N, C-alpha and C. Protein backbone atom coordinates (compact mmCIF):
# COMPACT_ATOMS: atom_id res chain seq x y z
N MET A 1 101.93 103.47 84.52
CA MET A 1 100.62 102.90 84.32
C MET A 1 100.08 102.45 85.67
N VAL A 2 98.82 102.72 85.91
CA VAL A 2 98.15 102.22 87.11
C VAL A 2 97.28 101.05 86.69
N VAL A 3 97.48 99.91 87.35
CA VAL A 3 96.68 98.73 87.08
C VAL A 3 95.84 98.46 88.32
N ALA A 4 94.54 98.74 88.24
CA ALA A 4 93.64 98.44 89.34
C ALA A 4 93.36 96.95 89.31
N GLY A 5 93.61 96.29 90.44
CA GLY A 5 93.43 94.84 90.49
C GLY A 5 94.63 94.11 89.92
N GLY A 6 95.80 94.72 90.01
CA GLY A 6 97.00 94.15 89.42
C GLY A 6 97.52 92.90 90.11
N SER A 7 96.98 92.56 91.27
CA SER A 7 97.42 91.35 91.97
C SER A 7 96.53 90.16 91.67
N GLY A 8 95.53 90.35 90.84
CA GLY A 8 94.68 89.23 90.42
C GLY A 8 95.34 88.46 89.29
N PHE A 9 94.68 87.42 88.83
CA PHE A 9 95.24 86.57 87.78
C PHE A 9 95.50 87.37 86.50
N ILE A 10 94.50 88.04 86.01
CA ILE A 10 94.65 88.81 84.76
C ILE A 10 95.52 90.04 85.00
N GLY A 11 95.27 90.74 86.09
CA GLY A 11 96.03 91.95 86.39
C GLY A 11 97.51 91.71 86.54
N SER A 12 97.88 90.60 87.17
CA SER A 12 99.31 90.31 87.36
C SER A 12 99.99 90.04 86.02
N HIS A 13 99.28 89.40 85.11
CA HIS A 13 99.85 89.17 83.77
C HIS A 13 99.95 90.48 82.99
N LEU A 14 99.00 91.37 83.21
CA LEU A 14 99.05 92.69 82.57
C LEU A 14 100.25 93.48 83.12
N CYS A 15 100.47 93.41 84.43
CA CYS A 15 101.64 94.08 85.02
C CYS A 15 102.93 93.55 84.41
N GLU A 16 103.04 92.24 84.27
CA GLU A 16 104.23 91.63 83.67
C GLU A 16 104.45 92.13 82.24
N ALA A 17 103.38 92.16 81.47
CA ALA A 17 103.47 92.59 80.06
C ALA A 17 103.89 94.06 79.97
N LEU A 18 103.33 94.91 80.81
CA LEU A 18 103.68 96.33 80.79
C LEU A 18 105.13 96.54 81.20
N LEU A 19 105.58 95.83 82.20
CA LEU A 19 106.98 95.92 82.63
C LEU A 19 107.91 95.45 81.52
N ALA A 20 107.53 94.38 80.84
CA ALA A 20 108.34 93.85 79.74
C ALA A 20 108.48 94.86 78.61
N ARG A 21 107.49 95.74 78.49
CA ARG A 21 107.52 96.78 77.45
C ARG A 21 108.19 98.05 77.94
N GLY A 22 108.72 98.03 79.16
CA GLY A 22 109.46 99.17 79.68
C GLY A 22 108.67 100.19 80.47
N HIS A 23 107.41 99.92 80.74
CA HIS A 23 106.58 100.86 81.50
C HIS A 23 106.86 100.76 82.99
N ARG A 24 106.57 101.84 83.69
CA ARG A 24 106.52 101.81 85.15
C ARG A 24 105.10 101.44 85.52
N VAL A 25 104.94 100.57 86.51
CA VAL A 25 103.62 100.04 86.84
C VAL A 25 103.33 100.22 88.33
N LEU A 26 102.16 100.77 88.61
CA LEU A 26 101.65 100.86 89.96
C LEU A 26 100.45 99.92 90.05
N ASP A 27 100.58 98.88 90.86
CA ASP A 27 99.51 97.91 91.08
C ASP A 27 98.69 98.38 92.27
N LEU A 28 97.46 98.77 92.03
CA LEU A 28 96.55 99.20 93.09
C LEU A 28 95.55 98.08 93.32
N ASP A 29 95.63 97.45 94.47
CA ASP A 29 94.79 96.28 94.73
C ASP A 29 94.44 96.22 96.21
N ASP A 30 93.18 95.89 96.51
CA ASP A 30 92.77 95.74 97.90
C ASP A 30 92.89 94.28 98.37
N HIS A 31 93.29 93.40 97.48
CA HIS A 31 93.51 91.99 97.74
C HIS A 31 92.27 91.26 98.25
N SER A 32 91.10 91.77 97.84
CA SER A 32 89.87 91.06 98.20
C SER A 32 89.76 89.76 97.40
N THR A 33 90.27 89.77 96.18
CA THR A 33 90.32 88.53 95.39
C THR A 33 91.71 88.27 94.84
N GLY A 34 92.52 89.31 94.67
CA GLY A 34 93.88 89.13 94.19
C GLY A 34 94.79 88.68 95.31
N ARG A 35 95.96 88.20 94.94
CA ARG A 35 96.92 87.71 95.93
C ARG A 35 98.28 88.35 95.72
N VAL A 36 98.92 88.71 96.81
CA VAL A 36 100.26 89.28 96.73
C VAL A 36 101.21 88.28 96.06
N SER A 37 100.97 87.00 96.26
CA SER A 37 101.85 85.99 95.67
C SER A 37 101.86 86.05 94.14
N ASN A 38 100.79 86.60 93.54
CA ASN A 38 100.74 86.72 92.07
C ASN A 38 101.74 87.74 91.54
N VAL A 39 102.16 88.68 92.38
CA VAL A 39 103.10 89.71 91.93
C VAL A 39 104.38 89.72 92.75
N ALA A 40 104.56 88.73 93.60
CA ALA A 40 105.75 88.68 94.46
C ALA A 40 107.04 88.74 93.64
N HIS A 41 107.05 88.11 92.50
CA HIS A 41 108.25 88.09 91.66
C HIS A 41 108.53 89.43 90.99
N LEU A 42 107.58 90.34 91.03
CA LEU A 42 107.75 91.66 90.41
C LEU A 42 108.26 92.71 91.41
N ARG A 43 108.20 92.41 92.68
CA ARG A 43 108.49 93.41 93.71
C ARG A 43 109.94 93.90 93.71
N ASP A 44 110.86 93.12 93.16
CA ASP A 44 112.26 93.56 93.09
C ASP A 44 112.52 94.47 91.90
N ASN A 45 111.55 94.60 91.01
CA ASN A 45 111.69 95.46 89.84
C ASN A 45 111.51 96.92 90.26
N ASP A 46 112.49 97.77 89.94
CA ASP A 46 112.43 99.18 90.32
C ASP A 46 111.26 99.92 89.68
N ARG A 47 110.71 99.38 88.62
CA ARG A 47 109.61 100.04 87.91
C ARG A 47 108.25 99.54 88.37
N PHE A 48 108.21 98.74 89.42
CA PHE A 48 106.96 98.17 89.93
C PHE A 48 106.72 98.62 91.37
N VAL A 49 105.49 99.09 91.63
CA VAL A 49 105.09 99.48 92.98
C VAL A 49 103.75 98.83 93.27
N LEU A 50 103.65 98.22 94.44
CA LEU A 50 102.40 97.63 94.89
C LEU A 50 101.82 98.54 95.96
N LEU A 51 100.62 99.02 95.74
CA LEU A 51 99.93 99.89 96.69
C LEU A 51 98.63 99.22 97.08
N GLU A 52 98.51 98.90 98.37
CA GLU A 52 97.28 98.25 98.83
C GLU A 52 96.21 99.30 99.06
N GLY A 53 95.10 99.12 98.38
CA GLY A 53 93.99 100.05 98.50
C GLY A 53 92.92 99.74 97.47
N ASP A 54 91.87 100.53 97.51
CA ASP A 54 90.73 100.36 96.62
C ASP A 54 90.49 101.68 95.90
N VAL A 55 90.07 101.61 94.67
CA VAL A 55 89.83 102.85 93.91
C VAL A 55 88.74 103.70 94.54
N THR A 56 87.93 103.13 95.42
CA THR A 56 86.87 103.89 96.07
C THR A 56 87.30 104.49 97.41
N ASP A 57 88.53 104.22 97.85
CA ASP A 57 89.02 104.81 99.10
C ASP A 57 89.05 106.33 98.96
N GLU A 58 88.62 107.02 100.00
CA GLU A 58 88.56 108.48 99.95
C GLU A 58 89.93 109.13 99.75
N ASP A 59 90.97 108.53 100.30
CA ASP A 59 92.30 109.12 100.23
C ASP A 59 93.17 108.55 99.12
N ILE A 60 92.58 107.77 98.24
CA ILE A 60 93.39 107.04 97.26
C ILE A 60 94.13 107.98 96.30
N GLU A 61 93.51 109.06 95.91
CA GLU A 61 94.16 109.99 94.98
C GLU A 61 95.46 110.53 95.57
N GLY A 62 95.42 110.92 96.82
CA GLY A 62 96.62 111.43 97.48
C GLY A 62 97.68 110.36 97.66
N ARG A 63 97.24 109.14 97.98
CA ARG A 63 98.20 108.04 98.16
C ARG A 63 98.89 107.69 96.84
N VAL A 64 98.12 107.67 95.76
CA VAL A 64 98.71 107.38 94.44
C VAL A 64 99.66 108.51 94.05
N ALA A 65 99.24 109.74 94.27
CA ALA A 65 100.09 110.89 93.93
C ALA A 65 101.40 110.86 94.74
N ALA A 66 101.31 110.45 95.99
CA ALA A 66 102.51 110.36 96.82
C ALA A 66 103.48 109.32 96.28
N VAL A 67 102.96 108.20 95.85
CA VAL A 67 103.82 107.14 95.29
C VAL A 67 104.43 107.60 93.98
N ILE A 68 103.63 108.20 93.12
CA ILE A 68 104.14 108.66 91.83
C ILE A 68 105.18 109.76 92.04
N GLY A 69 104.91 110.68 92.94
CA GLY A 69 105.86 111.74 93.23
C GLY A 69 107.15 111.20 93.81
N ARG A 70 107.06 110.21 94.68
CA ARG A 70 108.25 109.60 95.27
C ARG A 70 109.09 108.92 94.19
N ASN A 71 108.43 108.23 93.26
CA ASN A 71 109.16 107.56 92.18
C ASN A 71 109.84 108.56 91.28
N LYS A 72 109.20 109.69 90.98
CA LYS A 72 109.82 110.71 90.14
C LYS A 72 111.04 111.29 90.85
N LYS A 73 110.92 111.52 92.17
CA LYS A 73 112.03 112.06 92.94
C LYS A 73 113.19 111.07 92.95
N ASP A 74 112.91 109.78 93.16
CA ASP A 74 113.94 108.75 93.15
C ASP A 74 114.63 108.69 91.80
N LYS A 75 113.86 108.81 90.73
CA LYS A 75 114.42 108.74 89.38
C LYS A 75 115.35 109.93 89.14
N LYS A 76 114.95 111.13 89.58
CA LYS A 76 115.78 112.31 89.42
C LYS A 76 117.07 112.17 90.22
N THR A 77 116.98 111.62 91.43
CA THR A 77 118.16 111.43 92.27
C THR A 77 119.12 110.46 91.60
N LYS A 78 118.63 109.34 91.08
CA LYS A 78 119.48 108.38 90.39
C LYS A 78 120.14 109.01 89.17
N ARG A 79 119.37 109.81 88.42
CA ARG A 79 119.89 110.45 87.21
C ARG A 79 121.00 111.44 87.59
N SER A 80 120.79 112.24 88.64
CA SER A 80 121.80 113.23 89.02
C SER A 80 123.06 112.55 89.53
N LYS A 81 122.93 111.41 90.21
CA LYS A 81 124.11 110.67 90.67
C LYS A 81 124.90 110.14 89.49
N ARG A 82 124.20 109.64 88.46
CA ARG A 82 124.88 109.13 87.26
C ARG A 82 125.62 110.26 86.56
N THR A 83 124.99 111.43 86.46
CA THR A 83 125.59 112.58 85.81
C THR A 83 126.84 113.03 86.56
N LYS A 84 126.77 113.07 87.87
CA LYS A 84 127.93 113.47 88.67
C LYS A 84 129.07 112.48 88.51
N ASN A 85 128.74 111.20 88.48
CA ASN A 85 129.79 110.18 88.31
C ASN A 85 130.45 110.27 86.95
N LYS A 86 129.71 110.62 85.91
CA LYS A 86 130.27 110.74 84.57
C LYS A 86 131.22 111.93 84.46
N LYS A 87 130.95 113.02 85.21
CA LYS A 87 131.78 114.22 85.14
C LYS A 87 133.12 114.03 85.81
N LYS A 88 133.22 113.08 86.73
CA LYS A 88 134.47 112.87 87.47
C LYS A 88 135.53 112.25 86.63
């Protein structure tokens, strides 16, 4: 899930709720009104990514795709390591 403005008061609570339900969350925020401190406690969660930017940035689509692609690659790597360990 992408939460635009996820570092704001409402957005940070939405990020928490989505994580509690098992979703992966990408917080896209330019921090013009939101604060990193609102999501600092979420940064250690493997399913949470904070991306500083604005939905109107020209390169935002590529930046979001890069983060999503990196997370998928990390997930596949973790899964293949678990599979290899089980076979031993």
